[in-house]
Structure formats: C-alpha cells, structure tokens
Amino acid sequence: MNTISRSESRRRITCGSHLLEVPRLDVDALTIFDVCETLKPIGPQAQLASLEVRMSATIPDKYTDLFKKKAFANLATINSDGTPQVTPVWVDYDGKHVIVNSARGRRKDKNMVANNAVALSIMDPDNPYRYLEIRGRVAEITEEGADQHIDKMAKKYMGVDKYPYRGPGEVRVIYRIEPRSTSAMG
C-alpha cells in the first residue's frame, strides 16, 4: 500500500515495501502514487532521482506566446506563517525555466529563499479568458545577469532601455522556476 505522511519540512512516502523520506514537495498524492509504481529497490538516492525526473513539466507550446507578450504573471509564494502572498510580476521563459526578477529583501524574495514552492498564473492580455497556470519550484536564485535581465524586461514591458525604478543600493535577483505542473484555458 502506498501512503504519504506530511511534516513541516519532510514527507514520508511508502511505496510498497520501500520508505522514502524526502523534502516536502508541492505535488498531489496521485502523482506520487504514479511514481511509486515505477520505483525499483536500487537505493533511496536513485529512487529520489526518479521522482524528480517524473515531476518536471514543460510549458505547452500553445502557451509559450504569452512569454513574448506584455503579459503580467501573478506570482504566489508562501509567507513564513503559511499564508499565501501574491504579487504581479514581469515574466520571461528560457525554454526550460520561467524567469522572474526582483530585488533582494522584498517579501517575494524572502519567501522564495525560505520555501521554493511557487505558483504563477499568466493571463493573455488580448483574451482574458485564455491563461496559463504553472506550479513549480524555484530551482535557482542568482544575482548574476540580473541587472541586464531587468533592463531586458523594462524594454519588453515599458519600451525603455533601462529599468527606471532601481533604488539606491538595490540588488537585483533572478529566480529560475522549474515547472512541475501546468493547466490552461483558452
């Protein structure tokens, strides 16, 4: 029998006679049970690697145009008290990761550093009944290239060459989000 028990930061997954204790992941029980059917008794590290591979998702080709438009995303993160926090953000896509840029120390930055589980919804600015929803995890946080990236986003969203709202001493940060699941309409 396959079971899942949750704790604050860890999740125990029983797959037949195998017990895995893994970091808490933002997936539903059916996904884990689906993965459990494919696990072989070759050690917990290899099993966890199989779990990670099966859970990645790609952005459907039909919706990649949203990343080329001036479509804002609503980024949902988790506050330290467990409540959700949502912020409209500029969004980019590199073919594998959804990319968000922010400044060090903002609420969304603190939340994504503490808990890498996120969700985004991107509404088509030309058709509000067409949208893409992405659930995933922050796979990388880096300052490298963040200044150039925010200028690229300012060009896309504002039509200017330099991001005009940078504060004194502000440190820009890029968050690369690995999609785990997607849903869409329209």
N, C-alpha and C. Protein backbone atom coordinates (compact mmCIF):
# COMPACT_ATOMS: atom_id res chain seq x y z
N MET A 1 0.84 -1.19 0.00
CA MET A 1 0.00 0.00 0.00
C MET A 1 0.88 1.25 0.00
N ASN A 2 0.51 2.24 -0.79
CA ASN A 2 1.26 3.48 -0.87
C ASN A 2 0.62 4.52 0.05
N THR A 3 1.44 5.17 0.88
CA THR A 3 0.92 6.18 1.79
C THR A 3 1.85 7.39 1.80
N ILE A 4 1.29 8.50 2.22
CA ILE A 4 2.07 9.73 2.36
C ILE A 4 1.76 10.31 3.72
N SER A 5 2.80 10.70 4.46
CA SER A 5 2.57 11.46 5.69
C SER A 5 3.41 12.72 5.58
N ARG A 6 2.81 13.83 6.01
CA ARG A 6 3.48 15.12 5.88
C ARG A 6 3.96 15.61 7.23
N SER A 7 5.09 16.27 7.22
CA SER A 7 5.55 17.01 8.38
C SER A 7 5.81 18.43 7.90
N GLU A 8 6.34 19.26 8.77
CA GLU A 8 6.56 20.66 8.39
C GLU A 8 7.50 20.79 7.20
N SER A 9 8.59 19.99 7.19
CA SER A 9 9.57 20.15 6.11
C SER A 9 9.89 18.86 5.37
N ARG A 10 9.41 17.73 5.83
CA ARG A 10 9.73 16.44 5.21
C ARG A 10 8.44 15.69 4.88
N ARG A 11 8.53 14.79 3.96
CA ARG A 11 7.40 13.94 3.59
C ARG A 11 7.89 12.50 3.52
N ARG A 12 7.16 11.61 4.15
CA ARG A 12 7.48 10.19 4.07
C ARG A 12 6.59 9.57 3.01
N ILE A 13 7.20 8.84 2.11
CA ILE A 13 6.46 8.18 1.05
C ILE A 13 6.72 6.69 1.17
N THR A 14 5.67 5.91 1.34
CA THR A 14 5.79 4.47 1.38
C THR A 14 5.33 3.94 0.04
N CYS A 15 6.24 3.30 -0.68
CA CYS A 15 5.94 2.71 -1.98
C CYS A 15 6.13 1.21 -1.82
N GLY A 16 5.03 0.50 -1.63
CA GLY A 16 5.13 -0.93 -1.38
C GLY A 16 5.91 -1.15 -0.11
N SER A 17 7.06 -1.85 -0.20
CA SER A 17 7.88 -2.11 0.98
C SER A 17 8.99 -1.08 1.16
N HIS A 18 9.01 -0.04 0.32
CA HIS A 18 10.07 0.96 0.39
C HIS A 18 9.56 2.22 1.10
N LEU A 19 10.37 2.77 1.97
CA LEU A 19 10.04 4.01 2.66
C LEU A 19 11.06 5.05 2.26
N LEU A 20 10.57 6.17 1.73
CA LEU A 20 11.43 7.28 1.36
C LEU A 20 11.07 8.46 2.25
N GLU A 21 12.07 9.17 2.72
CA GLU A 21 11.82 10.42 3.40
C GLU A 21 12.48 11.50 2.55
N VAL A 22 11.65 12.38 2.00
CA VAL A 22 12.14 13.38 1.05
C VAL A 22 11.68 14.75 1.48
N PRO A 23 12.33 15.81 0.95
CA PRO A 23 11.83 17.16 1.25
C PRO A 23 10.38 17.28 0.80
N ARG A 24 9.61 18.08 1.54
CA ARG A 24 8.21 18.27 1.19
C ARG A 24 8.12 18.85 -0.21
N LEU A 25 7.31 18.26 -1.05
CA LEU A 25 7.17 18.69 -2.44
C LEU A 25 5.74 19.12 -2.69
N ASP A 26 5.55 20.06 -3.60
CA ASP A 26 4.23 20.56 -3.92
C ASP A 26 3.63 19.72 -5.05
N VAL A 27 3.25 18.50 -4.70
CA VAL A 27 2.62 17.60 -5.68
C VAL A 27 1.45 16.93 -5.00
N ASP A 28 0.55 16.40 -5.81
CA ASP A 28 -0.59 15.72 -5.21
C ASP A 28 -0.30 14.23 -5.04
N ALA A 29 -1.12 13.57 -4.28
CA ALA A 29 -0.91 12.17 -3.95
C ALA A 29 -0.91 11.28 -5.19
N LEU A 30 -1.76 11.56 -6.16
CA LEU A 30 -1.81 10.73 -7.36
C LEU A 30 -0.50 10.75 -8.12
N THR A 31 0.16 11.89 -8.18
CA THR A 31 1.46 11.96 -8.84
C THR A 31 2.46 11.07 -8.13
N ILE A 32 2.49 11.15 -6.80
CA ILE A 32 3.44 10.33 -6.05
C ILE A 32 3.11 8.85 -6.22
N PHE A 33 1.83 8.48 -6.16
CA PHE A 33 1.48 7.08 -6.32
C PHE A 33 1.86 6.60 -7.71
N ASP A 34 1.69 7.43 -8.72
CA ASP A 34 2.07 7.10 -10.08
C ASP A 34 3.57 6.82 -10.15
N VAL A 35 4.36 7.66 -9.49
CA VAL A 35 5.80 7.49 -9.47
C VAL A 35 6.18 6.24 -8.70
N CYS A 36 5.49 5.95 -7.60
CA CYS A 36 5.83 4.79 -6.79
C CYS A 36 5.75 3.49 -7.58
N GLU A 37 4.84 3.42 -8.52
CA GLU A 37 4.70 2.21 -9.31
C GLU A 37 5.96 1.92 -10.13
N THR A 38 6.78 2.94 -10.42
CA THR A 38 7.96 2.75 -11.26
C THR A 38 9.24 2.59 -10.45
N LEU A 39 9.20 2.78 -9.13
CA LEU A 39 10.41 2.69 -8.32
C LEU A 39 10.89 1.26 -8.20
N LYS A 40 12.21 1.09 -8.24
CA LYS A 40 12.82 -0.22 -8.08
C LYS A 40 13.69 -0.18 -6.83
N PRO A 41 13.90 -1.30 -6.17
CA PRO A 41 14.71 -1.32 -4.94
C PRO A 41 16.20 -1.17 -5.24
N ILE A 42 16.62 0.05 -5.67
CA ILE A 42 18.02 0.28 -6.01
C ILE A 42 18.62 1.38 -5.14
N GLY A 43 17.99 1.68 -4.04
CA GLY A 43 18.53 2.67 -3.12
C GLY A 43 17.75 3.96 -3.14
N PRO A 44 17.64 4.64 -2.01
CA PRO A 44 16.81 5.84 -1.91
C PRO A 44 17.28 6.99 -2.80
N GLN A 45 18.60 7.17 -3.00
CA GLN A 45 19.05 8.27 -3.84
C GLN A 45 18.59 8.09 -5.28
N ALA A 46 18.72 6.88 -5.81
CA ALA A 46 18.28 6.61 -7.18
C ALA A 46 16.76 6.75 -7.28
N GLN A 47 16.05 6.33 -6.24
CA GLN A 47 14.60 6.46 -6.25
C GLN A 47 14.19 7.92 -6.25
N LEU A 48 14.85 8.74 -5.44
CA LEU A 48 14.53 10.15 -5.39
C LEU A 48 14.81 10.81 -6.73
N ALA A 49 15.89 10.42 -7.40
CA ALA A 49 16.20 10.98 -8.72
C ALA A 49 15.07 10.64 -9.69
N SER A 50 14.54 9.43 -9.62
CA SER A 50 13.42 9.06 -10.48
C SER A 50 12.21 9.93 -10.19
N LEU A 51 11.96 10.21 -8.92
CA LEU A 51 10.84 11.04 -8.53
C LEU A 51 10.98 12.44 -9.10
N GLU A 52 12.18 13.01 -9.02
CA GLU A 52 12.40 14.36 -9.54
C GLU A 52 12.18 14.42 -11.04
N VAL A 53 12.68 13.44 -11.79
CA VAL A 53 12.55 13.46 -13.25
C VAL A 53 11.09 13.39 -13.66
N ARG A 54 10.33 12.53 -13.02
CA ARG A 54 8.94 12.34 -13.40
C ARG A 54 8.07 13.56 -13.11
N MET A 55 8.50 14.42 -12.18
CA MET A 55 7.64 15.51 -11.76
C MET A 55 7.83 16.78 -12.57
N SER A 56 8.88 16.88 -13.37
CA SER A 56 9.08 18.08 -14.17
C SER A 56 8.02 18.17 -15.25
N ALA A 57 7.66 19.37 -15.61
CA ALA A 57 6.67 19.60 -16.67
C ALA A 57 7.23 20.64 -17.62
N THR A 58 6.69 20.67 -18.81
CA THR A 58 7.09 21.69 -19.76
C THR A 58 5.89 22.59 -20.04
N ILE A 59 6.19 23.78 -20.51
CA ILE A 59 5.14 24.72 -20.88
C ILE A 59 4.58 24.26 -22.22
N PRO A 60 3.27 24.07 -22.33
CA PRO A 60 2.70 23.66 -23.62
C PRO A 60 3.01 24.68 -24.71
N ASP A 61 3.41 24.21 -25.88
CA ASP A 61 3.77 25.10 -27.00
C ASP A 61 2.68 26.12 -27.29
N LYS A 62 1.44 25.72 -27.11
CA LYS A 62 0.30 26.60 -27.41
C LYS A 62 0.29 27.86 -26.55
N TYR A 63 1.04 27.85 -25.43
CA TYR A 63 1.01 28.97 -24.49
C TYR A 63 2.35 29.70 -24.36
N THR A 64 3.38 29.29 -25.10
CA THR A 64 4.67 29.97 -24.99
C THR A 64 4.61 31.41 -25.52
N ASP A 65 3.62 31.71 -26.36
CA ASP A 65 3.47 33.08 -26.87
C ASP A 65 3.19 34.08 -25.74
N LEU A 66 2.64 33.61 -24.62
CA LEU A 66 2.35 34.51 -23.50
C LEU A 66 3.63 35.16 -22.96
N PHE A 67 4.75 34.46 -23.10
CA PHE A 67 6.02 35.00 -22.59
C PHE A 67 6.61 36.05 -23.54
N LYS A 68 6.10 36.13 -24.74
CA LYS A 68 6.56 37.13 -25.71
C LYS A 68 5.71 38.40 -25.63
N LYS A 69 4.52 38.29 -25.08
CA LYS A 69 3.60 39.42 -24.96
C LYS A 69 3.90 40.19 -23.67
N LYS A 70 3.26 41.34 -23.51
CA LYS A 70 3.36 42.10 -22.26
C LYS A 70 2.36 41.53 -21.25
N ALA A 71 2.43 40.23 -21.06
CA ALA A 71 1.52 39.54 -20.14
C ALA A 71 2.16 39.51 -18.75
N PHE A 72 1.46 40.07 -17.78
CA PHE A 72 1.92 40.02 -16.40
C PHE A 72 1.57 38.65 -15.81
N ALA A 73 2.41 38.18 -14.91
CA ALA A 73 2.12 36.95 -14.17
C ALA A 73 1.77 37.33 -12.74
N ASN A 74 0.91 36.58 -12.13
CA ASN A 74 0.65 36.69 -10.70
C ASN A 74 1.46 35.58 -10.03
N LEU A 75 2.44 35.96 -9.25
CA LEU A 75 3.33 35.02 -8.59
C LEU A 75 2.85 34.79 -7.17
N ALA A 76 2.57 33.54 -6.84
CA ALA A 76 2.15 33.18 -5.48
C ALA A 76 3.30 32.49 -4.76
N THR A 77 3.60 33.00 -3.57
CA THR A 77 4.61 32.42 -2.70
C THR A 77 3.97 32.16 -1.34
N ILE A 78 4.73 31.56 -0.43
CA ILE A 78 4.21 31.23 0.90
C ILE A 78 4.94 32.06 1.95
N ASN A 79 4.19 32.82 2.74
CA ASN A 79 4.78 33.58 3.86
C ASN A 79 5.24 32.63 4.96
N SER A 80 6.07 33.12 5.86
CA SER A 80 6.59 32.29 6.95
C SER A 80 5.49 31.76 7.86
N ASP A 81 4.33 32.44 7.92
CA ASP A 81 3.22 31.96 8.75
C ASP A 81 2.30 31.00 7.99
N GLY A 82 2.68 30.65 6.76
CA GLY A 82 1.91 29.70 5.97
C GLY A 82 0.84 30.32 5.09
N THR A 83 0.62 31.63 5.20
CA THR A 83 -0.39 32.27 4.37
C THR A 83 0.18 32.57 2.99
N PRO A 84 -0.69 32.60 1.97
CA PRO A 84 -0.20 32.90 0.62
C PRO A 84 0.08 34.38 0.43
N GLN A 85 0.99 34.68 -0.48
CA GLN A 85 1.33 36.05 -0.85
C GLN A 85 1.37 36.09 -2.37
N VAL A 86 0.69 37.05 -2.99
CA VAL A 86 0.63 37.12 -4.45
C VAL A 86 1.09 38.50 -4.90
N THR A 87 1.93 38.50 -5.93
CA THR A 87 2.48 39.74 -6.48
C THR A 87 2.42 39.68 -8.00
N PRO A 88 1.96 40.75 -8.66
CA PRO A 88 2.08 40.78 -10.12
C PRO A 88 3.55 41.02 -10.49
N VAL A 89 4.05 40.25 -11.47
CA VAL A 89 5.45 40.35 -11.86
C VAL A 89 5.59 40.29 -13.38
N TRP A 90 6.69 40.85 -13.87
CA TRP A 90 7.10 40.62 -15.25
C TRP A 90 7.65 39.20 -15.33
N VAL A 91 7.49 38.57 -16.48
CA VAL A 91 7.86 37.16 -16.58
C VAL A 91 8.57 36.89 -17.90
N ASP A 92 9.48 35.92 -17.87
CA ASP A 92 10.29 35.53 -19.01
C ASP A 92 10.37 34.00 -19.02
N TYR A 93 10.82 33.45 -20.13
CA TYR A 93 10.93 31.99 -20.26
C TYR A 93 12.14 31.66 -21.11
N ASP A 94 12.98 30.73 -20.66
CA ASP A 94 14.19 30.38 -21.40
C ASP A 94 14.08 29.04 -22.13
N GLY A 95 12.87 28.50 -22.21
CA GLY A 95 12.67 27.20 -22.84
C GLY A 95 12.63 26.05 -21.84
N LYS A 96 13.12 26.29 -20.63
CA LYS A 96 13.10 25.28 -19.56
C LYS A 96 12.55 25.87 -18.26
N HIS A 97 12.97 27.08 -17.94
CA HIS A 97 12.57 27.73 -16.68
C HIS A 97 11.76 28.99 -16.95
N VAL A 98 10.79 29.23 -16.07
CA VAL A 98 10.11 30.52 -16.02
C VAL A 98 11.02 31.42 -15.20
N ILE A 99 11.24 32.64 -15.67
CA ILE A 99 12.20 33.53 -15.02
C ILE A 99 11.49 34.78 -14.49
N VAL A 100 11.74 35.06 -13.21
CA VAL A 100 11.20 36.24 -12.54
C VAL A 100 12.39 37.00 -11.99
N ASN A 101 12.29 38.33 -11.98
CA ASN A 101 13.36 39.19 -11.50
C ASN A 101 12.78 40.08 -10.40
N SER A 102 13.50 40.21 -9.30
CA SER A 102 13.06 41.07 -8.21
C SER A 102 14.28 41.66 -7.52
N ALA A 103 14.06 42.34 -6.42
CA ALA A 103 15.16 42.92 -5.65
C ALA A 103 15.31 42.15 -4.34
N ARG A 104 16.56 41.98 -3.93
CA ARG A 104 16.88 41.31 -2.67
C ARG A 104 16.16 42.01 -1.52
N GLY A 105 15.56 41.22 -0.63
CA GLY A 105 14.91 41.76 0.56
C GLY A 105 13.42 41.99 0.44
N ARG A 106 12.87 41.94 -0.76
CA ARG A 106 11.42 42.10 -0.90
C ARG A 106 10.72 40.85 -0.38
N ARG A 107 9.44 40.98 -0.08
CA ARG A 107 8.68 39.87 0.50
C ARG A 107 8.78 38.61 -0.37
N LYS A 108 8.59 38.73 -1.67
CA LYS A 108 8.64 37.54 -2.53
C LYS A 108 10.04 36.92 -2.52
N ASP A 109 11.08 37.74 -2.43
CA ASP A 109 12.45 37.22 -2.34
C ASP A 109 12.61 36.41 -1.05
N LYS A 110 12.22 36.98 0.07
CA LYS A 110 12.33 36.27 1.34
C LYS A 110 11.55 34.96 1.31
N ASN A 111 10.35 35.00 0.74
CA ASN A 111 9.52 33.79 0.69
C ASN A 111 10.15 32.70 -0.18
N MET A 112 10.68 33.09 -1.35
CA MET A 112 11.25 32.09 -2.26
C MET A 112 12.56 31.52 -1.74
N VAL A 113 13.30 32.30 -0.96
CA VAL A 113 14.52 31.80 -0.32
C VAL A 113 14.14 30.77 0.75
N ALA A 114 13.10 31.05 1.52
CA ALA A 114 12.68 30.18 2.63
C ALA A 114 11.91 28.94 2.16
N ASN A 115 11.13 29.08 1.08
CA ASN A 115 10.27 27.98 0.60
C ASN A 115 10.22 28.09 -0.92
N ASN A 116 10.76 27.12 -1.61
CA ASN A 116 10.87 27.22 -3.07
C ASN A 116 9.59 26.86 -3.83
N ALA A 117 8.51 26.53 -3.15
CA ALA A 117 7.25 26.22 -3.82
C ALA A 117 6.57 27.51 -4.26
N VAL A 118 6.21 27.60 -5.55
CA VAL A 118 5.56 28.78 -6.10
C VAL A 118 4.48 28.36 -7.09
N ALA A 119 3.63 29.30 -7.41
CA ALA A 119 2.65 29.13 -8.49
C ALA A 119 2.55 30.46 -9.22
N LEU A 120 2.26 30.39 -10.51
CA LEU A 120 2.07 31.60 -11.31
C LEU A 120 0.85 31.41 -12.18
N SER A 121 0.15 32.50 -12.43
CA SER A 121 -0.88 32.49 -13.46
C SER A 121 -0.57 33.64 -14.40
N ILE A 122 -0.65 33.36 -15.68
CA ILE A 122 -0.36 34.36 -16.70
C ILE A 122 -1.59 34.47 -17.59
N MET A 123 -2.19 35.66 -17.60
CA MET A 123 -3.39 35.90 -18.40
C MET A 123 -2.99 36.56 -19.71
N ASP A 124 -3.57 36.10 -20.80
CA ASP A 124 -3.32 36.68 -22.11
C ASP A 124 -3.90 38.09 -22.14
N PRO A 125 -3.08 39.12 -22.39
CA PRO A 125 -3.61 40.49 -22.41
C PRO A 125 -4.60 40.74 -23.56
N ASP A 126 -4.58 39.87 -24.57
CA ASP A 126 -5.50 40.01 -25.71
C ASP A 126 -6.80 39.24 -25.52
N ASN A 127 -6.83 38.32 -24.56
CA ASN A 127 -8.01 37.49 -24.32
C ASN A 127 -8.01 37.05 -22.85
N PRO A 128 -8.72 37.74 -21.97
CA PRO A 128 -8.67 37.42 -20.55
C PRO A 128 -9.23 36.04 -20.19
N TYR A 129 -9.85 35.36 -21.15
CA TYR A 129 -10.35 34.00 -20.90
C TYR A 129 -9.32 32.95 -21.29
N ARG A 130 -8.13 33.38 -21.69
CA ARG A 130 -7.03 32.48 -22.02
C ARG A 130 -5.92 32.72 -21.00
N TYR A 131 -5.51 31.67 -20.32
CA TYR A 131 -4.46 31.82 -19.32
C TYR A 131 -3.68 30.52 -19.16
N LEU A 132 -2.52 30.65 -18.53
CA LEU A 132 -1.67 29.52 -18.20
C LEU A 132 -1.39 29.58 -16.70
N GLU A 133 -1.55 28.45 -16.04
CA GLU A 133 -1.24 28.35 -14.61
C GLU A 133 -0.07 27.38 -14.49
N ILE A 134 0.93 27.76 -13.70
CA ILE A 134 2.14 26.95 -13.51
C ILE A 134 2.37 26.76 -12.03
N ARG A 135 2.59 25.52 -11.64
CA ARG A 135 3.02 25.21 -10.27
C ARG A 135 4.43 24.65 -10.38
N GLY A 136 5.30 25.12 -9.50
CA GLY A 136 6.67 24.63 -9.60
C GLY A 136 7.49 24.97 -8.39
N ARG A 137 8.79 24.94 -8.60
CA ARG A 137 9.73 25.24 -7.52
C ARG A 137 10.83 26.12 -8.06
N VAL A 138 11.34 26.97 -7.21
CA VAL A 138 12.47 27.80 -7.57
C VAL A 138 13.70 26.90 -7.60
N ALA A 139 14.26 26.72 -8.79
CA ALA A 139 15.42 25.84 -8.95
C ALA A 139 16.73 26.58 -8.76
N GLU A 140 16.73 27.90 -9.00
CA GLU A 140 17.97 28.67 -8.87
C GLU A 140 17.64 30.12 -8.52
N ILE A 141 18.44 30.67 -7.64
CA ILE A 141 18.38 32.09 -7.30
C ILE A 141 19.78 32.65 -7.51
N THR A 142 19.89 33.68 -8.36
CA THR A 142 21.21 34.23 -8.66
C THR A 142 21.14 35.73 -8.92
N GLU A 143 22.21 36.41 -8.57
CA GLU A 143 22.36 37.83 -8.88
C GLU A 143 23.04 38.00 -10.24
N GLU A 144 23.70 36.95 -10.71
CA GLU A 144 24.43 37.01 -11.97
C GLU A 144 23.49 37.27 -13.14
N GLY A 145 23.75 38.35 -13.87
CA GLY A 145 22.94 38.71 -15.03
C GLY A 145 21.62 39.37 -14.71
N ALA A 146 21.34 39.60 -13.43
CA ALA A 146 20.03 40.13 -13.03
C ALA A 146 19.84 41.58 -13.46
N ASP A 147 20.90 42.39 -13.42
CA ASP A 147 20.77 43.78 -13.86
C ASP A 147 20.45 43.87 -15.34
N GLN A 148 21.13 43.07 -16.15
CA GLN A 148 20.85 43.05 -17.59
C GLN A 148 19.45 42.51 -17.86
N HIS A 149 19.04 41.52 -17.09
CA HIS A 149 17.71 40.93 -17.29
C HIS A 149 16.59 41.92 -16.97
N ILE A 150 16.73 42.69 -15.90
CA ILE A 150 15.66 43.65 -15.57
C ILE A 150 15.58 44.73 -16.63
N ASP A 151 16.71 45.09 -17.24
CA ASP A 151 16.68 46.04 -18.34
C ASP A 151 15.98 45.43 -19.56
N LYS A 152 16.22 44.17 -19.83
CA LYS A 152 15.52 43.46 -20.92
C LYS A 152 14.01 43.45 -20.67
N MET A 153 13.62 43.21 -19.42
CA MET A 153 12.19 43.20 -19.09
C MET A 153 11.59 44.60 -19.19
N ALA A 154 12.36 45.63 -18.82
CA ALA A 154 11.88 47.01 -18.95
C ALA A 154 11.65 47.36 -20.42
N LYS A 155 12.50 46.86 -21.28
CA LYS A 155 12.33 47.09 -22.73
C LYS A 155 11.04 46.42 -23.20
N LYS A 156 10.82 45.19 -22.78
CA LYS A 156 9.62 44.44 -23.18
C LYS A 156 8.33 45.08 -22.65
N TYR A 157 8.30 45.39 -21.37
CA TYR A 157 7.06 45.84 -20.72
C TYR A 157 6.84 47.36 -20.77
N MET A 158 7.94 48.14 -20.84
CA MET A 158 7.80 49.59 -20.76
C MET A 158 8.31 50.31 -22.01
N GLY A 159 9.07 49.59 -22.84
CA GLY A 159 9.62 50.21 -24.04
C GLY A 159 10.81 51.13 -23.76
N VAL A 160 11.48 50.94 -22.62
CA VAL A 160 12.65 51.75 -22.28
C VAL A 160 13.88 50.85 -22.19
N ASP A 161 15.05 51.43 -22.39
CA ASP A 161 16.29 50.65 -22.41
C ASP A 161 16.81 50.28 -21.02
N LYS A 162 16.52 51.11 -20.02
CA LYS A 162 16.99 50.87 -18.65
C LYS A 162 15.81 50.85 -17.70
N TYR A 163 15.84 49.94 -16.75
CA TYR A 163 14.81 49.88 -15.72
C TYR A 163 14.86 51.17 -14.90
N PRO A 164 13.78 51.96 -14.90
CA PRO A 164 13.83 53.30 -14.29
C PRO A 164 13.57 53.36 -12.78
N TYR A 165 13.18 52.27 -12.15
CA TYR A 165 12.77 52.33 -10.75
C TYR A 165 13.77 51.71 -9.78
N ARG A 166 14.99 51.52 -10.21
CA ARG A 166 16.01 50.93 -9.34
C ARG A 166 16.32 51.89 -8.20
N GLY A 167 16.29 51.37 -6.98
CA GLY A 167 16.59 52.18 -5.81
C GLY A 167 18.08 52.18 -5.52
N PRO A 168 18.56 53.15 -4.74
CA PRO A 168 19.98 53.19 -4.37
C PRO A 168 20.36 51.92 -3.60
N GLY A 169 21.43 51.28 -4.00
CA GLY A 169 21.90 50.07 -3.32
C GLY A 169 21.08 48.82 -3.61
N GLU A 170 20.10 48.93 -4.48
CA GLU A 170 19.23 47.78 -4.79
C GLU A 170 20.03 46.68 -5.48
N VAL A 171 19.84 45.45 -5.03
CA VAL A 171 20.49 44.29 -5.62
C VAL A 171 19.42 43.47 -6.34
N ARG A 172 19.56 43.34 -7.66
CA ARG A 172 18.58 42.59 -8.45
C ARG A 172 18.90 41.09 -8.38
N VAL A 173 17.86 40.28 -8.46
CA VAL A 173 17.97 38.83 -8.33
C VAL A 173 17.10 38.16 -9.38
N ILE A 174 17.60 37.09 -9.98
CA ILE A 174 16.84 36.27 -10.91
C ILE A 174 16.43 34.98 -10.20
N TYR A 175 15.18 34.58 -10.42
CA TYR A 175 14.65 33.32 -9.87
C TYR A 175 14.28 32.46 -11.08
N ARG A 176 14.90 31.31 -11.20
CA ARG A 176 14.57 30.37 -12.28
C ARG A 176 13.64 29.33 -11.69
N ILE A 177 12.43 29.28 -12.23
CA ILE A 177 11.38 28.41 -11.70
C ILE A 177 11.20 27.21 -12.62
N GLU A 178 11.32 26.03 -12.03
CA GLU A 178 11.11 24.79 -12.77
C GLU A 178 9.63 24.43 -12.70
N PRO A 179 8.94 24.40 -13.85
CA PRO A 179 7.53 23.99 -13.82
C PRO A 179 7.39 22.54 -13.39
N ARG A 180 6.47 22.25 -12.48
CA ARG A 180 6.17 20.89 -12.05
C ARG A 180 4.84 20.41 -12.64
N SER A 181 3.91 21.36 -12.81
CA SER A 181 2.64 21.03 -13.46
C SER A 181 2.07 22.31 -14.06
N THR A 182 1.25 22.15 -15.08
CA THR A 182 0.62 23.29 -15.71
C THR A 182 -0.86 22.96 -15.97
N SER A 183 -1.65 24.00 -16.03
CA SER A 183 -3.03 23.88 -16.51
C SER A 183 -3.32 25.15 -17.28
N ALA A 184 -4.27 25.09 -18.18
CA ALA A 184 -4.52 26.23 -19.04
C ALA A 184 -5.96 26.25 -19.50
N MET A 185 -6.36 27.40 -20.01
CA MET A 185 -7.69 27.55 -20.59
C MET A 185 -7.58 28.49 -21.77
N GLY A 186 -8.35 28.21 -22.79
CA GLY A 186 -8.43 29.10 -23.94
C GLY A 186 -7.49 28.78 -25.05
